[in-house]
C-alpha atoms as a PDB file:
ATOM      1  CA  UNK A   1     123.378 137.522  91.950  1.00  0.00           C
ATOM      2  CA  UNK A   2     121.611 138.289  89.419  1.00  0.00           C
ATOM      3  CA  UNK A   3     119.656 136.509  86.740  1.00  0.00           C
ATOM      4  CA  UNK A   4     118.027 138.423  83.545  1.00  0.00           C
ATOM      5  CA  UNK A   5     117.580 137.487  80.473  1.00  0.00           C
ATOM      6  CA  UNK A   6     119.965 139.505  77.995  1.00  0.00           C
ATOM      7  CA  UNK A   7     119.067 140.848  74.310  1.00  0.00           C
ATOM      8  CA  UNK A   8     119.392 137.105  72.743  1.00  0.00           C
ATOM      9  CA  UNK A   9     117.174 135.280  74.747  1.00  0.00           C
ATOM     10  CA  UNK A  10     120.376 133.590  76.999  1.00  0.00           C
ATOM     11  CA  UNK A  11     120.339 134.152  80.793  1.00  0.00           C
ATOM     12  CA  UNK A  12     122.203 136.005  81.652  1.00  0.00           C
ATOM     13  CA  UNK A  13     124.097 136.169  84.948  1.00  0.00           C
ATOM     14  CA  UNK A  14     125.292 140.073  86.863  1.00  0.00           C
ATOM     15  CA  UNK A  15     126.855 140.081  90.087  1.00  0.00           C
ATOM     16  CA  UNK A  16     127.924 143.033  91.826  1.00  0.00           C
ATOM     17  CA  UNK A  17     131.253 143.111  89.551  1.00  0.00           C
ATOM     18  CA  UNK A  18     129.044 143.307  86.982  1.00  0.00           C
ATOM     19  CA  UNK A  19     126.850 146.220  87.943  1.00  0.00           C
ATOM     20  CA  UNK A  20     129.765 148.209  89.526  1.00  0.00           C
ATOM     21  CA  UNK A  21     130.918 148.114  85.719  1.00  0.00           C
ATOM     22  CA  UNK A  22     127.575 149.403  83.845  1.00  0.00           C
ATOM     23  CA  UNK A  23     126.687 152.118  86.565  1.00  0.00           C
ATOM     24  CA  UNK A  24     130.828 153.696  86.319  1.00  0.00           C
ATOM     25  CA  UNK A  25     130.012 153.407  82.500  1.00  0.00           C
ATOM     26  CA  UNK A  26     126.347 154.949  82.016  1.00  0.00           C
ATOM     27  CA  UNK A  27     128.300 158.007  83.976  1.00  0.00           C
ATOM     28  CA  UNK A  28     131.052 157.657  81.222  1.00  0.00           C
ATOM     29  CA  UNK A  29     132.173 155.704  78.884  1.00  0.00           C
ATOM     30  CA  UNK A  30     135.177 156.700  78.267  1.00  0.00           C
ATOM     31  CA  UNK A  31     136.971 155.674  81.324  1.00  0.00           C
ATOM     32  CA  UNK A  32     140.130 154.258  80.561  1.00  0.00           C
ATOM     33  CA  UNK A  33     140.152 150.639  81.401  1.00  0.00           C
ATOM     34  CA  UNK A  34     142.699 150.601  84.512  1.00  0.00           C
ATOM     35  CA  UNK A  35     141.293 153.682  85.758  1.00  0.00           C
ATOM     36  CA  UNK A  36     137.816 151.397  85.790  1.00  0.00           C
ATOM     37  CA  UNK A  37     139.926 148.492  87.159  1.00  0.00           C
ATOM     38  CA  UNK A  38     141.145 150.453  89.523  1.00  0.00           C
ATOM     39  CA  UNK A  39     137.025 152.395  90.247  1.00  0.00           C
ATOM     40  CA  UNK A  40     136.010 148.712  91.230  1.00  0.00           C
ATOM     41  CA  UNK A  41     139.090 146.920  93.015  1.00  0.00           C
ATOM     42  CA  UNK A  42     139.288 144.293  89.881  1.00  0.00           C
ATOM     43  CA  UNK A  43     141.877 143.611  86.884  1.00  0.00           C
ATOM     44  CA  UNK A  44     141.837 145.560  83.816  1.00  0.00           C
ATOM     45  CA  UNK A  45     141.491 141.637  82.155  1.00  0.00           C
ATOM     46  CA  UNK A  46     138.671 140.851  84.331  1.00  0.00           C
ATOM     47  CA  UNK A  47     136.808 143.820  84.094  1.00  0.00           C
ATOM     48  CA  UNK A  48     137.761 143.555  79.651  1.00  0.00           C
ATOM     49  CA  UNK A  49     136.162 140.398  79.699  1.00  0.00           C
ATOM     50  CA  UNK A  50     133.166 141.696  81.506  1.00  0.00           C
ATOM     51  CA  UNK A  51     131.884 143.862  79.486  1.00  0.00           C
ATOM     52  CA  UNK A  52     132.732 142.662  76.407  1.00  0.00           C
ATOM     53  CA  UNK A  53     130.561 139.669  77.686  1.00  0.00           C
ATOM     54  CA  UNK A  54     127.557 142.192  78.826  1.00  0.00           C
ATOM     55  CA  UNK A  55     127.746 143.531  74.873  1.00  0.00           C
ATOM     56  CA  UNK A  56     127.425 139.879  73.778  1.00  0.00           C
ATOM     57  CA  UNK A  57     124.769 138.866  75.553  1.00  0.00           C
ATOM     58  CA  UNK A  58     122.849 142.522  74.967  1.00  0.00           C
ATOM     59  CA  UNK A  59     123.254 144.527  78.189  1.00  0.00           C
ATOM     60  CA  UNK A  60     125.034 146.996  76.594  1.00  0.00           C
ATOM     61  CA  UNK A  61     123.677 147.596  73.641  1.00  0.00           C
ATOM     62  CA  UNK A  62     125.867 150.064  72.056  1.00  0.00           C
ATOM     63  CA  UNK A  63     128.500 153.396  73.540  1.00  0.00           C
ATOM     64  CA  UNK A  64     126.130 157.222  72.399  1.00  0.00           C
ATOM     65  CA  UNK A  65     127.568 160.547  72.937  1.00  0.00           C
ATOM     66  CA  UNK A  66     124.922 162.861  74.431  1.00  0.00           C
ATOM     67  CA  UNK A  67     124.753 165.946  72.417  1.00  0.00           C
ATOM     68  CA  UNK A  68     122.479 168.788  73.356  1.00  0.00           C
ATOM     69  CA  UNK A  69     119.942 169.641  70.483  1.00  0.00           C
ATOM     70  CA  UNK A  70     119.681 173.166  71.407  1.00  0.00           C
ATOM     71  CA  UNK A  71     122.571 173.678  70.233  1.00  0.00           C
ATOM     72  CA  UNK A  72     122.310 171.472  66.573  1.00  0.00           C
ATOM     73  CA  UNK A  73     119.333 173.536  66.012  1.00  0.00           C
ATOM     74  CA  UNK A  74     116.864 170.640  67.723  1.00  0.00           C
ATOM     75  CA  UNK A  75     115.416 173.177  70.646  1.00  0.00           C
ATOM     76  CA  UNK A  76     110.970 172.089  69.828  1.00  0.00           C
ATOM     77  CA  UNK A  77     110.551 168.345  71.893  1.00  0.00           C
ATOM     78  CA  UNK A  78     107.239 166.963  71.423  1.00  0.00           C
ATOM     79  CA  UNK A  79     105.496 164.086  73.605  1.00  0.00           C
ATOM     80  CA  UNK A  80     102.577 162.622  70.683  1.00  0.00           C
ATOM     81  CA  UNK A  81     100.209 160.116  71.741  1.00  0.00           C
ATOM     82  CA  UNK A  82      99.092 158.313  68.889  1.00  0.00           C
ATOM     83  CA  UNK A  83      96.014 156.067  68.952  1.00  0.00           C
ATOM     84  CA  UNK A  84      95.687 153.372  66.329  1.00  0.00           C
ATOM     85  CA  UNK A  85      92.896 152.324  64.322  1.00  0.00           C
ATOM     86  CA  UNK A  86      93.672 148.607  64.320  1.00  0.00           C
ATOM     87  CA  UNK A  87      95.417 146.676  66.137  1.00  0.00           C
ATOM     88  CA  UNK A  88      97.047 143.409  66.142  1.00  0.00           C
ATOM     89  CA  UNK A  89     100.404 141.743  65.726  1.00  0.00           C
ATOM     90  CA  UNK A  90     101.367 142.874  62.675  1.00  0.00           C
ATOM     91  CA  UNK A  91     100.212 146.580  62.586  1.00  0.00           C
ATOM     92  CA  UNK A  92     101.692 147.286  65.625  1.00  0.00           C
ATOM     93  CA  UNK A  93     104.561 145.712  64.246  1.00  0.00           C
ATOM     94  CA  UNK A  94     104.248 148.135  61.283  1.00  0.00           C
ATOM     95  CA  UNK A  95     103.481 151.501  62.965  1.00  0.00           C
ATOM     96  CA  UNK A  96     106.942 150.020  65.416  1.00  0.00           C
ATOM     97  CA  UNK A  97     109.075 150.205  61.984  1.00  0.00           C
ATOM     98  CA  UNK A  98     108.326 153.309  60.952  1.00  0.00           C
ATOM     99  CA  UNK A  99     108.726 154.927  64.188  1.00  0.00           C
ATOM    100  CA  UNK A 100     112.483 153.241  64.200  1.00  0.00           C
ATOM    101  CA  UNK A 101     112.812 154.635  60.553  1.00  0.00           C
ATOM    102  CA  UNK A 102     111.848 158.303  61.127  1.00  0.00           C
ATOM    103  CA  UNK A 103     115.054 160.416  62.559  1.00  0.00           C
ATOM    104  CA  UNK A 104     112.865 162.772  64.451  1.00  0.00           C
ATOM    105  CA  UNK A 105     111.575 160.452  66.993  1.00  0.00           C
ATOM    106  CA  UNK A 106     114.132 159.822  70.103  1.00  0.00           C
ATOM    107  CA  UNK A 107     111.956 157.424  71.919  1.00  0.00           C
ATOM    108  CA  UNK A 108     108.650 154.963  70.730  1.00  0.00           C
ATOM    109  CA  UNK A 109     106.519 153.033  73.463  1.00  0.00           C
ATOM    110  CA  UNK A 110     104.092 150.865  73.200  1.00  0.00           C
ATOM    111  CA  UNK A 111     101.419 151.997  75.839  1.00  0.00           C
ATOM    112  CA  UNK A 112      98.258 150.889  77.896  1.00  0.00           C
ATOM    113  CA  UNK A 113      95.637 153.345  78.422  1.00  0.00           C
ATOM    114  CA  UNK A 114      93.814 155.332  76.053  1.00  0.00           C
ATOM    115  CA  UNK A 115      96.499 155.596  73.687  1.00  0.00           C
ATOM    116  CA  UNK A 116      99.120 153.402  72.180  1.00  0.00           C
ATOM    117  CA  UNK A 117     101.362 155.191  71.443  1.00  0.00           C
ATOM    118  CA  UNK A 118     103.697 157.456  73.559  1.00  0.00           C
ATOM    119  CA  UNK A 119     106.304 159.195  70.516  1.00  0.00           C
ATOM    120  CA  UNK A 120     108.895 161.226  71.382  1.00  0.00           C
ATOM    121  CA  UNK A 121     109.603 164.361  68.329  1.00  0.00           C
ATOM    122  CA  UNK A 122     112.980 166.633  68.843  1.00  0.00           C
ATOM    123  CA  UNK A 123     111.913 168.822  65.615  1.00  0.00           C
ATOM    124  CA  UNK A 124     114.033 171.885  64.310  1.00  0.00           C
ATOM    125  CA  UNK A 125     110.240 174.011  63.771  1.00  0.00           C
ATOM    126  CA  UNK A 126     107.263 173.813  64.565  1.00  0.00           C
ATOM    127  CA  UNK A 127     106.981 173.845  60.716  1.00  0.00           C
ATOM    128  CA  UNK A 128     109.166 170.626  60.804  1.00  0.00           C
ATOM    129  CA  UNK A 129     107.591 168.972  62.572  1.00  0.00           C
ATOM    130  CA  UNK A 130     103.723 169.480  60.965  1.00  0.00           C
ATOM    131  CA  UNK A 131     105.256 168.629  57.878  1.00  0.00           C
ATOM    132  CA  UNK A 132     106.550 165.180  60.029  1.00  0.00           C
ATOM    133  CA  UNK A 133     102.898 165.152  61.049  1.00  0.00           C
ATOM    134  CA  UNK A 134     101.214 164.892  58.156  1.00  0.00           C
ATOM    135  CA  UNK A 135     103.971 162.549  56.095  1.00  0.00           C
ATOM    136  CA  UNK A 136     104.138 160.126  59.341  1.00  0.00           C
ATOM    137  CA  UNK A 137     100.380 160.334  60.426  1.00  0.00           C
ATOM    138  CA  UNK A 138      98.251 161.570  58.861  1.00  0.00           C
ATOM    139  CA  UNK A 139      99.328 159.738  55.766  1.00  0.00           C
ATOM    140  CA  UNK A 140      98.400 156.764  57.927  1.00  0.00           C
ATOM    141  CA  UNK A 141      95.316 154.949  56.918  1.00  0.00           C
ATOM    142  CA  UNK A 142      95.528 153.325  60.486  1.00  0.00           C
ATOM    143  CA  UNK A 143      96.196 156.287  62.859  1.00  0.00           C
ATOM    144  CA  UNK A 144      92.968 157.142  64.492  1.00  0.00           C
ATOM    145  CA  UNK A 145      94.121 160.350  66.113  1.00  0.00           C
ATOM    146  CA  UNK A 146      97.309 161.909  67.403  1.00  0.00           C
ATOM    147  CA  UNK A 147      98.004 164.482  70.142  1.00  0.00           C
ATOM    148  CA  UNK A 148     100.354 166.381  70.353  1.00  0.00           C
ATOM    149  CA  UNK A 149     102.268 168.189  73.577  1.00  0.00           C
ATOM    150  CA  UNK A 150     105.098 170.432  73.338  1.00  0.00           C
ATOM    151  CA  UNK A 151     107.645 170.491  76.191  1.00  0.00           C
ATOM    152  CA  UNK A 152     108.740 173.539  77.497  1.00  0.00           C
ATOM    153  CA  UNK A 153     111.416 173.627  79.983  1.00  0.00           C
ATOM    154  CA  UNK A 154     113.899 170.409  80.367  1.00  0.00           C
ATOM    155  CA  UNK A 155     114.908 170.429  83.891  1.00  0.00           C
ATOM    156  CA  UNK A 156     115.811 166.349  83.572  1.00  0.00           C
ATOM    157  CA  UNK A 157     117.528 164.303  81.146  1.00  0.00           C
ATOM    158  CA  UNK A 158     118.603 161.753  82.081  1.00  0.00           C
ATOM    159  CA  UNK A 159     119.616 158.027  79.753  1.00  0.00           C
ATOM    160  CA  UNK A 160     121.992 156.384  83.164  1.00  0.00           C
ATOM    161  CA  UNK A 161     119.654 153.774  84.115  1.00  0.00           C
ATOM    162  CA  UNK A 162     119.845 152.885  88.007  1.00  0.00           C
ATOM    163  CA  UNK A 163     121.890 150.296  89.354  1.00  0.00           C
ATOM    164  CA  UNK A 164     120.756 149.137  92.872  1.00  0.00           C
ATOM    165  CA  UNK A 165     123.374 148.019  95.022  1.00  0.00           C
ATOM    166  CA  UNK A 166     123.784 143.960  95.331  1.00  0.00           C
ATOM    167  CA  UNK A 167     122.449 143.871  98.640  1.00  0.00           C
ATOM    168  CA  UNK A 168     118.705 145.558  97.075  1.00  0.00           C
ATOM    169  CA  UNK A 169     118.265 143.078  94.184  1.00  0.00           C
END
């Protein structure tokens, strides 16, 4: 059994059944409970309790639909490295909150190295991305520098977290 800390700070024990359920749910969260139980050789009631416990602990954060960004008119993907002028807990948190509030921001990572954050942005067009950078980065007096790298092609995009079998943990 693997011990993890949930999003609410409590310890979460995950066993082989939990890990199997997580793997299946990541592949298709719409699988009916009975079919899910059959695939993991357990009862629907047990699976339902386990899933509810993993939701409550934060292991399962939410169920979402994955949308093809190109088919909804957001074909421009940009990786943006951001260097802040000043760093303290309040300023880092403020920047993270601003990124969380931006619909165009798909991900925001605080990173080590020569810059402070790596942001993934999906935009409708170069013009719209340019307006985004003016509004979000150029107007922020704590952003020292930002660099944009434009995706030319995406050969893999995955939201699934690889789940190691219990013997490997």
